[in-house]
C-alpha atoms as a PDB file:
ATOM      1  CA  SER A   1       6.268  38.502  21.450  1.00  0.00           C
ATOM      2  CA  SER A   2       7.624  40.249  18.375  1.00  0.00           C
ATOM      3  CA  GLY A   3      10.887  38.324  18.731  1.00  0.00           C
ATOM      4  CA  ILE A   4       9.220  35.003  17.791  1.00  0.00           C
ATOM      5  CA  ASN A   5      10.465  33.555  14.504  1.00  0.00           C
ATOM      6  CA  ALA A   6       7.957  34.807  11.932  1.00  0.00           C
ATOM      7  CA  GLU A   7       8.346  31.644   9.812  1.00  0.00           C
ATOM      8  CA  TRP A   8       7.236  29.334  12.613  1.00  0.00           C
ATOM      9  CA  PRO A   9       3.655  28.206  11.728  1.00  0.00           C
ATOM     10  CA  LEU A  10       2.601  28.028  15.398  1.00  0.00           C
ATOM     11  CA  ARG A  11       3.611  31.642  16.056  1.00  0.00           C
ATOM     12  CA  PRO A  12       0.025  32.978  16.409  1.00  0.00           C
ATOM     13  CA  GLY A  13      -0.815  30.268  18.935  1.00  0.00           C
ATOM     14  CA  VAL A  14       2.131  30.919  21.228  1.00  0.00           C
ATOM     15  CA  GLU A  15       1.469  34.628  21.035  1.00  0.00           C
ATOM     16  CA  VAL A  16      -2.039  33.956  22.376  1.00  0.00           C
ATOM     17  CA  LYS A  17      -0.480  31.919  25.203  1.00  0.00           C
ATOM     18  CA  GLY A  18       1.711  34.863  26.065  1.00  0.00           C
ATOM     19  CA  LEU A  19       5.001  32.948  25.921  1.00  0.00           C
ATOM     20  CA  PRO A  20       8.182  35.020  26.033  1.00  0.00           C
ATOM     21  CA  ALA A  21       9.828  35.237  22.622  1.00  0.00           C
ATOM     22  CA  PRO A  22      13.005  33.287  23.615  1.00  0.00           C
ATOM     23  CA  VAL A  23      10.880  30.423  25.015  1.00  0.00           C
ATOM     24  CA  ALA A  24       8.653  30.319  21.930  1.00  0.00           C
ATOM     25  CA  ASP A  25      11.637  30.307  19.610  1.00  0.00           C
ATOM     26  CA  LYS A  26      13.227  27.462  21.581  1.00  0.00           C
ATOM     27  CA  ILE A  27      10.019  25.443  21.260  1.00  0.00           C
ATOM     28  CA  GLY A  28       9.984  26.236  17.548  1.00  0.00           C
ATOM     29  CA  GLY A  29      13.516  24.882  17.261  1.00  0.00           C
ATOM     30  CA  PHE A  30      12.499  21.603  18.865  1.00  0.00           C
ATOM     31  CA  VAL A  31       9.358  20.949  16.817  1.00  0.00           C
ATOM     32  CA  ARG A  32      11.290  21.290  13.573  1.00  0.00           C
ATOM     33  CA  ARG A  33      13.417  18.264  14.398  1.00  0.00           C
ATOM     34  CA  CYS A  34      12.888  14.633  13.513  1.00  0.00           C
ATOM     35  CA  GLY A  35      15.130  11.632  13.140  1.00  0.00           C
ATOM     36  CA  GLY A  36      16.140   8.446  14.904  1.00  0.00           C
ATOM     37  CA  GLU A  37      18.746   7.310  17.397  1.00  0.00           C
ATOM     38  CA  GLU A  38      21.096  10.207  16.583  1.00  0.00           C
ATOM     39  CA  LEU A  39      18.378  12.709  17.453  1.00  0.00           C
ATOM     40  CA  ILE A  40      17.760  10.941  20.780  1.00  0.00           C
ATOM     41  CA  LYS A  41      21.471  11.187  21.607  1.00  0.00           C
ATOM     42  CA  GLU A  42      21.422  14.916  20.872  1.00  0.00           C
ATOM     43  CA  LEU A  43      18.344  15.457  23.012  1.00  0.00           C
ATOM     44  CA  GLU A  44      19.812  13.440  25.891  1.00  0.00           C
ATOM     45  CA  VAL A  45      22.639  15.968  26.029  1.00  0.00           C
ATOM     46  CA  GLU A  46      20.331  18.973  25.700  1.00  0.00           C
ATOM     47  CA  LEU A  47      17.556  17.775  28.039  1.00  0.00           C
ATOM     48  CA  GLY A  48      19.423  15.445  30.367  1.00  0.00           C
ATOM     49  CA  ASP A  49      18.647  17.547  33.452  1.00  0.00           C
ATOM     50  CA  ASN A  50      14.880  17.277  32.898  1.00  0.00           C
ATOM     51  CA  LYS A  51      13.521  14.059  34.487  1.00  0.00           C
ATOM     52  CA  THR A  52      10.317  14.047  32.440  1.00  0.00           C
ATOM     53  CA  ALA A  53      12.195  14.538  29.179  1.00  0.00           C
ATOM     54  CA  SER A  54      14.763  11.884  30.122  1.00  0.00           C
ATOM     55  CA  ALA A  55      12.000   9.357  30.840  1.00  0.00           C
ATOM     56  CA  GLY A  56      10.359  10.082  27.504  1.00  0.00           C
ATOM     57  CA  LEU A  57      13.643   9.768  25.628  1.00  0.00           C
ATOM     58  CA  ALA A  58      14.333   6.443  27.358  1.00  0.00           C
ATOM     59  CA  ASP A  59      10.949   5.165  26.126  1.00  0.00           C
ATOM     60  CA  MET A  60      11.670   6.312  22.584  1.00  0.00           C
ATOM     61  CA  LYS A  61      15.117   4.749  22.670  1.00  0.00           C
ATOM     62  CA  LEU A  62      13.576   1.423  23.703  1.00  0.00           C
ATOM     63  CA  LEU A  63      10.878   1.714  21.025  1.00  0.00           C
ATOM     64  CA  LEU A  64      13.464   2.282  18.280  1.00  0.00           C
ATOM     65  CA  GLU A  65      15.464  -0.665  19.583  1.00  0.00           C
ATOM     66  CA  TYR A  66      12.374  -2.866  19.249  1.00  0.00           C
ATOM     67  CA  CYS A  67      11.759  -1.462  15.755  1.00  0.00           C
ATOM     68  CA  LYS A  68      15.232  -2.630  14.761  1.00  0.00           C
ATOM     69  CA  LEU A  69      14.477  -6.125  16.048  1.00  0.00           C
ATOM     70  CA  TYR A  70      11.293  -6.178  13.967  1.00  0.00           C
ATOM     71  CA  LYS A  71      13.213  -4.886  10.898  1.00  0.00           C
ATOM     72  CA  CYS A  72      11.022  -1.801  10.542  1.00  0.00           C
ATOM     73  CA  TYR A  73      13.402   0.852  11.922  1.00  0.00           C
ATOM     74  CA  GLU A  74      13.911   2.469   8.502  1.00  0.00           C
ATOM     75  CA  HIS A  75      10.151   3.151   8.311  1.00  0.00           C
ATOM     76  CA  VAL A  76       9.984   4.973  11.665  1.00  0.00           C
ATOM     77  CA  SER A  77      10.826   8.604  12.399  1.00  0.00           C
ATOM     78  CA  PHE A  78      10.921  10.311  15.809  1.00  0.00           C
ATOM     79  CA  ASP A  79       9.121  13.563  14.982  1.00  0.00           C
ATOM     80  CA  LEU A  80       9.043  16.240  17.676  1.00  0.00           C
ATOM     81  CA  SER A  81       6.272  18.145  15.907  1.00  0.00           C
ATOM     82  CA  LEU A  82       3.779  15.317  16.394  1.00  0.00           C
ATOM     83  CA  ALA A  83       0.890  16.095  18.744  1.00  0.00           C
ATOM     84  CA  ARG A  84      -2.448  14.470  19.524  1.00  0.00           C
ATOM     85  CA  GLY A  85      -5.600  16.408  20.309  1.00  0.00           C
ATOM     86  CA  LEU A  86      -6.498  14.547  23.525  1.00  0.00           C
ATOM     87  CA  ASP A  87      -4.694  14.878  26.857  1.00  0.00           C
ATOM     88  CA  TYR A  88      -5.066  11.343  28.238  1.00  0.00           C
ATOM     89  CA  TYR A  89      -1.912  10.035  26.561  1.00  0.00           C
ATOM     90  CA  THR A  90       0.827   9.152  29.043  1.00  0.00           C
ATOM     91  CA  GLY A  91       3.521   7.774  26.748  1.00  0.00           C
ATOM     92  CA  ALA A  92       4.542   7.548  23.128  1.00  0.00           C
ATOM     93  CA  ILE A  93       2.114   8.792  20.491  1.00  0.00           C
ATOM     94  CA  PHE A  94       2.276   7.894  16.837  1.00  0.00           C
ATOM     95  CA  GLU A  95       0.837   8.446  13.388  1.00  0.00           C
ATOM     96  CA  ALA A  96       0.981   6.218  10.319  1.00  0.00           C
ATOM     97  CA  ILE A  97       1.560   8.019   7.038  1.00  0.00           C
ATOM     98  CA  LEU A  98       0.986   6.384   3.677  1.00  0.00           C
ATOM     99  CA  ALA A  99       4.208   6.516   1.646  1.00  0.00           C
ATOM    100  CA  PRO A 100       4.136   8.900  -1.360  1.00  0.00           C
ATOM    101  CA  ASN A 101       3.436   7.363  -4.751  1.00  0.00           C
ATOM    102  CA  THR A 102       5.819   7.530  -7.704  1.00  0.00           C
ATOM    103  CA  LYS A 103       4.621  11.091  -8.465  1.00  0.00           C
ATOM    104  CA  GLY A 104       5.517  12.245  -4.951  1.00  0.00           C
ATOM    105  CA  GLU A 105       1.867  12.612  -3.947  1.00  0.00           C
ATOM    106  CA  SER A 106       0.940  11.794  -0.353  1.00  0.00           C
ATOM    107  CA  VAL A 107      -2.354  11.760   1.512  1.00  0.00           C
ATOM    108  CA  GLY A 108      -0.752  12.217   4.930  1.00  0.00           C
ATOM    109  CA  SER A 109      -1.884  10.420   8.058  1.00  0.00           C
ATOM    110  CA  VAL A 110      -4.066   7.299   7.789  1.00  0.00           C
ATOM    111  CA  ALA A 111      -3.858   6.177  11.434  1.00  0.00           C
ATOM    112  CA  GLY A 112      -2.893   7.573  14.819  1.00  0.00           C
ATOM    113  CA  GLY A 113      -2.853   6.744  18.497  1.00  0.00           C
ATOM    114  CA  GLY A 114      -0.636   6.256  21.502  1.00  0.00           C
ATOM    115  CA  ARG A 115      -0.218   4.896  25.007  1.00  0.00           C
ATOM    116  CA  TYR A 116      -2.557   5.765  27.862  1.00  0.00           C
ATOM    117  CA  ASP A 117      -2.005   4.171  31.266  1.00  0.00           C
ATOM    118  CA  GLN A 118      -4.735   5.843  33.317  1.00  0.00           C
ATOM    119  CA  LEU A 119      -7.786   6.218  31.108  1.00  0.00           C
ATOM    120  CA  VAL A 120      -9.209   2.689  31.463  1.00  0.00           C
ATOM    121  CA  GLY A 121      -8.313   2.609  35.167  1.00  0.00           C
ATOM    122  CA  MET A 122     -10.712   5.481  35.732  1.00  0.00           C
ATOM    123  CA  PHE A 123     -13.549   3.006  35.195  1.00  0.00           C
ATOM    124  CA  SER A 124     -12.060   0.354  37.477  1.00  0.00           C
ATOM    125  CA  PRO A 125     -13.761   0.042  40.920  1.00  0.00           C
ATOM    126  CA  LYS A 126     -10.360  -0.239  42.575  1.00  0.00           C
ATOM    127  CA  GLY A 127      -8.738   2.432  40.427  1.00  0.00           C
ATOM    128  CA  ARG A 128      -6.146   0.070  39.083  1.00  0.00           C
ATOM    129  CA  SER A 129      -3.593   1.246  36.538  1.00  0.00           C
ATOM    130  CA  ILE A 130      -4.313  -0.574  33.286  1.00  0.00           C
ATOM    131  CA  PRO A 131      -1.679   0.245  30.633  1.00  0.00           C
ATOM    132  CA  CYS A 132      -3.129   0.434  27.128  1.00  0.00           C
ATOM    133  CA  VAL A 133      -2.086   1.334  23.619  1.00  0.00           C
ATOM    134  CA  GLY A 134      -4.766   2.327  21.128  1.00  0.00           C
ATOM    135  CA  VAL A 135      -4.925   3.328  17.489  1.00  0.00           C
ATOM    136  CA  SER A 136      -7.646   4.751  15.286  1.00  0.00           C
ATOM    137  CA  ILE A 137      -7.573   4.030  11.562  1.00  0.00           C
ATOM    138  CA  GLY A 138      -8.899   6.356   8.886  1.00  0.00           C
ATOM    139  CA  ILE A 139     -11.081   3.768   7.163  1.00  0.00           C
ATOM    140  CA  GLU A 140     -12.785   6.217   4.809  1.00  0.00           C
ATOM    141  CA  ARG A 141      -9.465   7.699   3.725  1.00  0.00           C
ATOM    142  CA  LEU A 142      -7.983   4.241   3.120  1.00  0.00           C
ATOM    143  CA  PHE A 143     -11.055   3.178   1.131  1.00  0.00           C
ATOM    144  CA  SER A 144     -10.874   6.307  -1.016  1.00  0.00           C
ATOM    145  CA  ILE A 145      -7.193   5.604  -1.721  1.00  0.00           C
ATOM    146  CA  MET A 146      -7.935   1.990  -2.628  1.00  0.00           C
ATOM    147  CA  GLU A 147     -10.797   3.029  -4.908  1.00  0.00           C
ATOM    148  CA  LYS A 148      -8.586   5.564  -6.668  1.00  0.00           C
ATOM    149  CA  ARG A 149      -5.863   2.982  -7.178  1.00  0.00           C
ATOM    150  CA  MET A 150      -8.391   0.528  -8.562  1.00  0.00           C
ATOM    151  CA  GLU A 151      -9.662   3.174 -10.969  1.00  0.00           C
ATOM    152  CA  ASN A 152      -6.120   3.835 -12.167  1.00  0.00           C
ATOM    153  CA  SER A 153      -5.295   0.156 -12.545  1.00  0.00           C
ATOM    154  CA  LYS A 154      -6.648  -2.247 -15.108  1.00  0.00           C
ATOM    155  CA  THR A 155      -4.934  -5.227 -13.537  1.00  0.00           C
ATOM    156  CA  SER A 156      -7.219  -8.147 -12.869  1.00  0.00           C
ATOM    157  CA  PRO A 157      -6.413 -11.295 -10.886  1.00  0.00           C
ATOM    158  CA  VAL A 158      -7.571 -13.211 -13.971  1.00  0.00           C
ATOM    159  CA  GLN A 159      -4.587 -14.354 -16.031  1.00  0.00           C
ATOM    160  CA  VAL A 160      -6.236 -16.043 -19.004  1.00  0.00           C
ATOM    161  CA  LEU A 161      -9.435 -15.519 -20.990  1.00  0.00           C
ATOM    162  CA  VAL A 162     -10.722 -18.528 -22.914  1.00  0.00           C
ATOM    163  CA  ALA A 163     -12.360 -17.269 -26.109  1.00  0.00           C
ATOM    164  CA  SER A 164     -13.785 -18.308 -29.452  1.00  0.00           C
ATOM    165  CA  GLY A 165     -14.922 -16.474 -32.540  1.00  0.00           C
ATOM    166  CA  GLN A 166     -17.330 -19.135 -33.711  1.00  0.00           C
ATOM    167  CA  LYS A 167     -20.670 -20.459 -32.575  1.00  0.00           C
ATOM    168  CA  GLY A 168     -21.125 -23.770 -30.821  1.00  0.00           C
ATOM    169  CA  MET A 169     -17.866 -23.579 -28.889  1.00  0.00           C
ATOM    170  CA  LEU A 170     -19.266 -23.230 -25.362  1.00  0.00           C
ATOM    171  CA  ARG A 171     -18.412 -26.768 -24.301  1.00  0.00           C
ATOM    172  CA  GLU A 172     -14.937 -26.596 -25.831  1.00  0.00           C
ATOM    173  CA  ARG A 173     -14.264 -23.363 -23.955  1.00  0.00           C
ATOM    174  CA  MET A 174     -15.473 -24.973 -20.737  1.00  0.00           C
ATOM    175  CA  ILE A 175     -13.090 -27.921 -21.204  1.00  0.00           C
ATOM    176  CA  LEU A 176     -10.108 -25.614 -21.732  1.00  0.00           C
ATOM    177  CA  LEU A 177     -11.155 -23.513 -18.775  1.00  0.00           C
ATOM    178  CA  GLN A 178     -11.293 -26.549 -16.505  1.00  0.00           C
ATOM    179  CA  GLU A 179      -7.786 -27.627 -17.573  1.00  0.00           C
ATOM    180  CA  LEU A 180      -6.412 -24.188 -16.745  1.00  0.00           C
ATOM    181  CA  TRP A 181      -8.131 -24.236 -13.351  1.00  0.00           C
ATOM    182  CA  ALA A 182      -6.679 -27.702 -12.679  1.00  0.00           C
ATOM    183  CA  ASN A 183      -3.218 -26.174 -13.185  1.00  0.00           C
ATOM    184  CA  ASN A 184      -3.910 -23.289 -10.753  1.00  0.00           C
ATOM    185  CA  ILE A 185      -4.106 -20.678 -13.497  1.00  0.00           C
ATOM    186  CA  ASN A 186      -6.687 -17.951 -12.808  1.00  0.00           C
ATOM    187  CA  SER A 187      -8.910 -18.081 -15.860  1.00  0.00           C
ATOM    188  CA  GLU A 188     -12.377 -17.177 -17.038  1.00  0.00           C
ATOM    189  CA  MET A 189     -14.572 -16.967 -20.084  1.00  0.00           C
ATOM    190  CA  LEU A 190     -17.608 -14.932 -21.055  1.00  0.00           C
ATOM    191  CA  TYR A 191     -20.591 -16.987 -20.024  1.00  0.00           C
ATOM    192  CA  LYS A 192     -22.710 -16.226 -23.064  1.00  0.00           C
ATOM    193  CA  ALA A 193     -23.197 -19.188 -25.362  1.00  0.00           C
ATOM    194  CA  ASN A 194     -21.887 -17.393 -28.456  1.00  0.00           C
ATOM    195  CA  PRO A 195     -20.127 -14.121 -27.570  1.00  0.00           C
ATOM    196  CA  LYS A 196     -18.609 -12.058 -30.348  1.00  0.00           C
ATOM    197  CA  LEU A 197     -14.812 -12.287 -30.577  1.00  0.00           C
ATOM    198  CA  LEU A 198     -14.484  -8.494 -30.452  1.00  0.00           C
ATOM    199  CA  SER A 199     -16.490  -8.398 -27.209  1.00  0.00           C
ATOM    200  CA  GLN A 200     -14.134 -10.974 -25.709  1.00  0.00           C
ATOM    201  CA  PHE A 201     -11.065  -8.975 -26.753  1.00  0.00           C
ATOM    202  CA  GLN A 202     -12.619  -5.814 -25.301  1.00  0.00           C
ATOM    203  CA  HIS A 203     -13.265  -7.658 -22.027  1.00  0.00           C
ATOM    204  CA  ALA A 204      -9.599  -8.709 -21.844  1.00  0.00           C
ATOM    205  CA  GLU A 205      -8.574  -5.115 -22.553  1.00  0.00           C
ATOM    206  CA  SER A 206     -10.825  -3.563 -19.899  1.00  0.00           C
ATOM    207  CA  GLU A 207      -9.860  -6.112 -17.248  1.00  0.00           C
ATOM    208  CA  GLY A 208      -6.153  -6.174 -18.067  1.00  0.00           C
ATOM    209  CA  ILE A 209      -6.105  -9.921 -18.767  1.00  0.00           C
ATOM    210  CA  PRO A 210      -2.696 -10.668 -20.299  1.00  0.00           C
ATOM    211  CA  VAL A 211      -3.315 -13.938 -22.191  1.00  0.00           C
ATOM    212  CA  ILE A 212      -6.152 -15.142 -24.406  1.00  0.00           C
ATOM    213  CA  VAL A 213      -6.655 -18.770 -25.409  1.00  0.00           C
ATOM    214  CA  ILE A 214      -8.685 -19.124 -28.619  1.00  0.00           C
ATOM    215  CA  ILE A 215     -10.438 -22.246 -29.901  1.00  0.00           C
ATOM    216  CA  GLY A 216     -12.337 -22.664 -33.165  1.00  0.00           C
ATOM    217  CA  ASP A 217     -13.318 -25.222 -35.796  1.00  0.00           C
ATOM    218  CA  SER A 218      -9.945 -25.174 -37.550  1.00  0.00           C
ATOM    219  CA  GLU A 219      -8.075 -25.494 -34.239  1.00  0.00           C
ATOM    220  CA  LEU A 220     -10.282 -28.446 -33.238  1.00  0.00           C
ATOM    221  CA  ALA A 221      -9.680 -30.169 -36.576  1.00  0.00           C
ATOM    222  CA  ASP A 222      -5.897 -29.750 -36.278  1.00  0.00           C
ATOM    223  CA  LYS A 223      -5.845 -30.522 -32.533  1.00  0.00           C
ATOM    224  CA  LYS A 224      -4.378 -27.108 -31.890  1.00  0.00           C
ATOM    225  CA  VAL A 225      -5.109 -24.142 -29.626  1.00  0.00           C
ATOM    226  CA  LYS A 226      -4.201 -20.522 -30.300  1.00  0.00           C
ATOM    227  CA  VAL A 227      -2.419 -18.772 -27.434  1.00  0.00           C
ATOM    228  CA  ARG A 228      -2.312 -14.966 -27.713  1.00  0.00           C
ATOM    229  CA  GLU A 229      -0.562 -12.294 -25.665  1.00  0.00           C
ATOM    230  CA  HIS A 230      -3.092  -9.491 -25.521  1.00  0.00           C
ATOM    231  CA  ALA A 231      -0.643  -6.601 -25.033  1.00  0.00           C
ATOM    232  CA  THR A 232       1.384  -7.380 -28.177  1.00  0.00           C
ATOM    233  CA  ARG A 233      -1.510  -8.933 -30.154  1.00  0.00           C
ATOM    234  CA  GLU A 234       0.893 -11.749 -31.052  1.00  0.00           C
ATOM    235  CA  GLY A 235      -0.373 -15.319 -31.056  1.00  0.00           C
ATOM    236  CA  LYS A 236       0.767 -18.783 -32.008  1.00  0.00           C
ATOM    237  CA  LEU A 237      -0.786 -22.179 -32.589  1.00  0.00           C
ATOM    238  CA  VAL A 238       0.336 -24.855 -30.144  1.00  0.00           C
ATOM    239  CA  ASP A 239      -0.474 -28.526 -29.824  1.00  0.00           C
ATOM    240  CA  ARG A 240      -3.634 -29.184 -27.833  1.00  0.00           C
ATOM    241  CA  GLU A 241      -1.877 -31.377 -25.275  1.00  0.00           C
ATOM    242  CA  ARG A 242       0.736 -28.752 -24.434  1.00  0.00           C
ATOM    243  CA  PHE A 243      -1.354 -25.585 -24.480  1.00  0.00           C
ATOM    244  CA  VAL A 244      -1.186 -25.246 -20.665  1.00  0.00           C
ATOM    245  CA  ASP A 245       2.632 -25.189 -20.791  1.00  0.00           C
ATOM    246  CA  ALA A 246       2.481 -22.592 -23.570  1.00  0.00           C
ATOM    247  CA  VAL A 247       0.165 -20.456 -21.432  1.00  0.00           C
ATOM    248  CA  LYS A 248       2.551 -20.654 -18.478  1.00  0.00           C
ATOM    249  CA  GLU A 249       5.490 -19.597 -20.661  1.00  0.00           C
ATOM    250  CA  LEU A 250       3.527 -16.678 -22.073  1.00  0.00           C
ATOM    251  CA  LEU A 251       2.422 -15.571 -18.591  1.00  0.00           C
ATOM    252  CA  GLN A 252       6.060 -15.469 -17.491  1.00  0.00           C
ATOM    253  CA  THR A 253       6.985 -13.358 -20.514  1.00  0.00           C
ATOM    254  CA  ALA A 254       4.011 -11.034 -20.009  1.00  0.00           C
ATOM    255  CA  GLY A 255       4.906 -10.657 -16.307  1.00  0.00           C
ATOM    256  CA  ARG A 256       8.471  -9.602 -17.091  1.00  0.00           C
ATOM    257  CA  GLN A 257       7.295  -7.070 -19.674  1.00  0.00           C
ATOM    258  CA  THR A 258       4.736  -5.619 -17.239  1.00  0.00           C
ATOM    259  CA  ALA A 259       7.384  -5.289 -14.526  1.00  0.00           C
ATOM    260  CA  GLY A 260       9.652  -3.532 -17.007  1.00  0.00           C
ATOM    261  CA  ARG A 261       6.955  -1.047 -18.032  1.00  0.00           C
ATOM    262  CA  LYS A 262       6.146  -0.274 -14.391  1.00  0.00           C
ATOM    263  CA  GLY A 263       9.812   0.263 -13.653  1.00  0.00           C
ATOM    264  CA  GLU A 264      10.127   2.705 -16.569  1.00  0.00           C
ATOM    265  CA  GLU A 265       7.043   4.621 -15.397  1.00  0.00           C
ATOM    266  CA  SER A 266       8.389   4.954 -11.845  1.00  0.00           C
ATOM    267  CA  GLY A 267      11.963   5.669 -12.907  1.00  0.00           C
ATOM    268  CA  GLU A 268      13.252   2.473 -11.284  1.00  0.00           C
ATOM    269  CA  LYS A 269      15.709   0.044 -12.814  1.00  0.00           C
ATOM    270  CA  THR A 270      14.490  -3.466 -13.385  1.00  0.00           C
END
């Protein structure tokens, strides 16, 4: 088998099987190919005389047609190198691969499966053919990916932190918090009676909370509320009755700036 392409990674395996070099090289040529409808057309010409191959290509052609109808065709690739370790599959097999991140890193397959028409029928008293499609999902791998992403992200679903730097402001913070909730703005406060202002700022920093609403004695006396964008450390006093509108405006501004920073990090235009 010395004629087998030395670069083909499955070369040792086919040598063990004792395949003639021309046959092994032809197999190696096939398993390097992947694509879509154009690849199926090519293979129909090359393998048209083989009934088994023609039936398989017809199934793949139909599958890709359905993928187009479901608007997911661009996410699917017909890969001839794909193989499953069990021999009960009777039709298409598949793997789901998590798309690479902005750094080009990929974890590979996170799910796999295929069609098996005869496996379940083996347990039927009448031996009926029961077509099935099954998939196994790599739960542990997905959880590890999610945990890593959470570690790398400081984004919290909380949009606003209600804070104060003075004592005796618990009830005032609760009133502001309720008004934000009533306007469907995800908000929270530290539930200590008199938390230090620095601790509240540090909480917003660690959780990635973009806006801080601050109330104190002077703000109460002037019927004002201070609204602060945490990323820029810039704040302004607004009238008490319109502080919710000011928060909404600041959240829109903060959202655009965050989208712009993410676009710069990933090299995308915003």
